[in-house]
Amino acid sequence: MEGSVLARIAAIVFVAIAITAALVEMGRDEEGQAVPPAAPLLPETDPLRAEQRRCQELGEAAASDPDCFAVWAETRDRFLGRDRTGGE
């Protein structure tokens, strides 16, 4: 191999290592510890979340469960920011 090809390969490897080191460093806080994941958006005591889990555990049977339809409608409305008291 030519010297210029080896120099290019070495430069690419060096840049890849530098980028990896920068990404690892950005994922740490001031004390050098890994940053913990963000807190969940909804509390674990949310009754809608418990019903979503129940419907998930039902599997295909959830498609014919009227309670699951109501859960999915409430989930959709929360996601879209709609107020369910206004109509439907």
C-alpha atoms as a PDB file:
ATOM      1  CA  MET A   1       0.000   0.000   0.000  1.00  0.00           C
ATOM      2  CA  GLU A   2       1.044   3.527  -0.597  1.00  0.00           C
ATOM      3  CA  GLY A   3       1.890   5.840   2.237  1.00  0.00           C
ATOM      4  CA  SER A   4      -0.981   8.212   1.408  1.00  0.00           C
ATOM      5  CA  VAL A   5      -3.530   5.377   1.654  1.00  0.00           C
ATOM      6  CA  LEU A   6      -2.187   4.382   5.064  1.00  0.00           C
ATOM      7  CA  ALA A   7      -2.270   8.018   6.192  1.00  0.00           C
ATOM      8  CA  ARG A   8      -5.917   8.323   5.112  1.00  0.00           C
ATOM      9  CA  ILE A   9      -6.867   5.115   6.933  1.00  0.00           C
ATOM     10  CA  ALA A  10      -5.084   6.313  10.065  1.00  0.00           C
ATOM     11  CA  ALA A  11      -6.855   9.680   9.865  1.00  0.00           C
ATOM     12  CA  ILE A  12     -10.259   8.000   9.503  1.00  0.00           C
ATOM     13  CA  VAL A  13      -9.571   5.732  12.483  1.00  0.00           C
ATOM     14  CA  PHE A  14      -8.401   8.711  14.547  1.00  0.00           C
ATOM     15  CA  VAL A  15     -11.540  10.744  13.701  1.00  0.00           C
ATOM     16  CA  ALA A  16     -13.782   7.757  14.511  1.00  0.00           C
ATOM     17  CA  ILE A  17     -12.112   7.307  17.905  1.00  0.00           C
ATOM     18  CA  ALA A  18     -12.352  11.044  18.632  1.00  0.00           C
ATOM     19  CA  ILE A  19     -16.072  11.125  17.783  1.00  0.00           C
ATOM     20  CA  THR A  20     -16.738   8.063  19.957  1.00  0.00           C
ATOM     21  CA  ALA A  21     -14.852   9.592  22.880  1.00  0.00           C
ATOM     22  CA  ALA A  22     -16.784  12.860  22.497  1.00  0.00           C
ATOM     23  CA  LEU A  23     -20.131  11.049  22.478  1.00  0.00           C
ATOM     24  CA  VAL A  24     -19.220   9.061  25.583  1.00  0.00           C
ATOM     25  CA  GLU A  25     -18.125  12.222  27.370  1.00  0.00           C
ATOM     26  CA  MET A  26     -21.345  14.054  26.439  1.00  0.00           C
ATOM     27  CA  GLY A  27     -23.306  11.249  28.094  1.00  0.00           C
ATOM     28  CA  ARG A  28     -21.757  11.959  31.508  1.00  0.00           C
ATOM     29  CA  ASP A  29     -22.522  14.576  34.142  1.00  0.00           C
ATOM     30  CA  GLU A  30     -19.948  16.742  35.986  1.00  0.00           C
ATOM     31  CA  GLU A  31     -18.913  13.972  38.403  1.00  0.00           C
ATOM     32  CA  GLY A  32     -18.105  11.616  35.550  1.00  0.00           C
ATOM     33  CA  GLN A  33     -21.032   9.315  36.191  1.00  0.00           C
ATOM     34  CA  ALA A  34     -23.438   8.227  33.497  1.00  0.00           C
ATOM     35  CA  VAL A  35     -26.532  10.414  33.337  1.00  0.00           C
ATOM     36  CA  PRO A  36     -29.594   8.531  34.649  1.00  0.00           C
ATOM     37  CA  PRO A  37     -32.538   8.197  32.263  1.00  0.00           C
ATOM     38  CA  ALA A  38     -35.311  10.765  32.489  1.00  0.00           C
ATOM     39  CA  ALA A  39     -38.168  10.183  34.912  1.00  0.00           C
ATOM     40  CA  PRO A  40     -41.322   8.665  33.415  1.00  0.00           C
ATOM     41  CA  LEU A  41     -43.841  11.173  32.109  1.00  0.00           C
ATOM     42  CA  LEU A  42     -46.813   9.593  33.846  1.00  0.00           C
ATOM     43  CA  PRO A  43     -46.900   8.317  37.424  1.00  0.00           C
ATOM     44  CA  GLU A  44     -47.014   4.547  37.835  1.00  0.00           C
ATOM     45  CA  THR A  45     -50.365   4.853  39.646  1.00  0.00           C
ATOM     46  CA  ASP A  46     -52.148   6.098  36.498  1.00  0.00           C
ATOM     47  CA  PRO A  47     -55.289   3.921  36.140  1.00  0.00           C
ATOM     48  CA  LEU A  48     -55.242   4.326  32.349  1.00  0.00           C
ATOM     49  CA  ARG A  49     -51.744   2.827  32.266  1.00  0.00           C
ATOM     50  CA  ALA A  50     -52.938  -0.184  34.264  1.00  0.00           C
ATOM     51  CA  GLU A  51     -55.809  -0.698  31.811  1.00  0.00           C
ATOM     52  CA  GLN A  52     -53.416  -0.391  28.867  1.00  0.00           C
ATOM     53  CA  ARG A  53     -51.323  -3.165  30.409  1.00  0.00           C
ATOM     54  CA  ARG A  54     -54.424  -5.313  30.883  1.00  0.00           C
ATOM     55  CA  CYS A  55     -55.400  -4.863  27.238  1.00  0.00           C
ATOM     56  CA  GLN A  56     -51.836  -5.632  26.182  1.00  0.00           C
ATOM     57  CA  GLU A  57     -51.938  -8.890  28.121  1.00  0.00           C
ATOM     58  CA  LEU A  58     -55.242  -9.863  26.462  1.00  0.00           C
ATOM     59  CA  GLY A  59     -53.512  -9.974  23.091  1.00  0.00           C
ATOM     60  CA  GLU A  60     -55.874 -10.484  20.140  1.00  0.00           C
ATOM     61  CA  ALA A  61     -58.862 -10.806  22.478  1.00  0.00           C
ATOM     62  CA  ALA A  62     -58.497  -7.084  23.239  1.00  0.00           C
ATOM     63  CA  ALA A  63     -59.780  -6.317  19.729  1.00  0.00           C
ATOM     64  CA  SER A  64     -63.253  -7.457  20.787  1.00  0.00           C
ATOM     65  CA  ASP A  65     -63.180  -6.075  24.344  1.00  0.00           C
ATOM     66  CA  PRO A  66     -65.310  -2.897  24.706  1.00  0.00           C
ATOM     67  CA  ASP A  67     -63.295  -1.789  27.742  1.00  0.00           C
ATOM     68  CA  CYS A  68     -60.130  -1.864  25.650  1.00  0.00           C
ATOM     69  CA  PHE A  69     -61.817   0.261  22.978  1.00  0.00           C
ATOM     70  CA  ALA A  70     -62.567   2.855  25.654  1.00  0.00           C
ATOM     71  CA  VAL A  71     -58.981   2.693  26.919  1.00  0.00           C
ATOM     72  CA  TRP A  72     -57.611   3.169  23.411  1.00  0.00           C
ATOM     73  CA  ALA A  73     -59.962   6.109  22.811  1.00  0.00           C
ATOM     74  CA  GLU A  74     -58.842   7.773  26.046  1.00  0.00           C
ATOM     75  CA  THR A  75     -55.180   7.140  25.172  1.00  0.00           C
ATOM     76  CA  ARG A  76     -55.678   8.630  21.705  1.00  0.00           C
ATOM     77  CA  ASP A  77     -57.444  11.681  23.128  1.00  0.00           C
ATOM     78  CA  ARG A  78     -54.699  12.256  25.707  1.00  0.00           C
ATOM     79  CA  PHE A  79     -52.073  11.997  22.999  1.00  0.00           C
ATOM     80  CA  LEU A  80     -53.895  14.430  20.726  1.00  0.00           C
ATOM     81  CA  GLY A  81     -54.716  16.797  23.592  1.00  0.00           C
ATOM     82  CA  ARG A  82     -58.473  16.504  23.139  1.00  0.00           C
ATOM     83  CA  ASP A  83     -61.001  16.928  25.934  1.00  0.00           C
ATOM     84  CA  ARG A  84     -63.330  13.925  26.108  1.00  0.00           C
ATOM     85  CA  THR A  85     -65.994  15.820  28.064  1.00  0.00           C
ATOM     86  CA  GLY A  86     -66.788  18.029  25.066  1.00  0.00           C
ATOM     87  CA  GLY A  87     -68.551  15.632  22.749  1.00  0.00           C
ATOM     88  CA  GLU A  88     -68.326  12.254  20.980  1.00  0.00           C
END
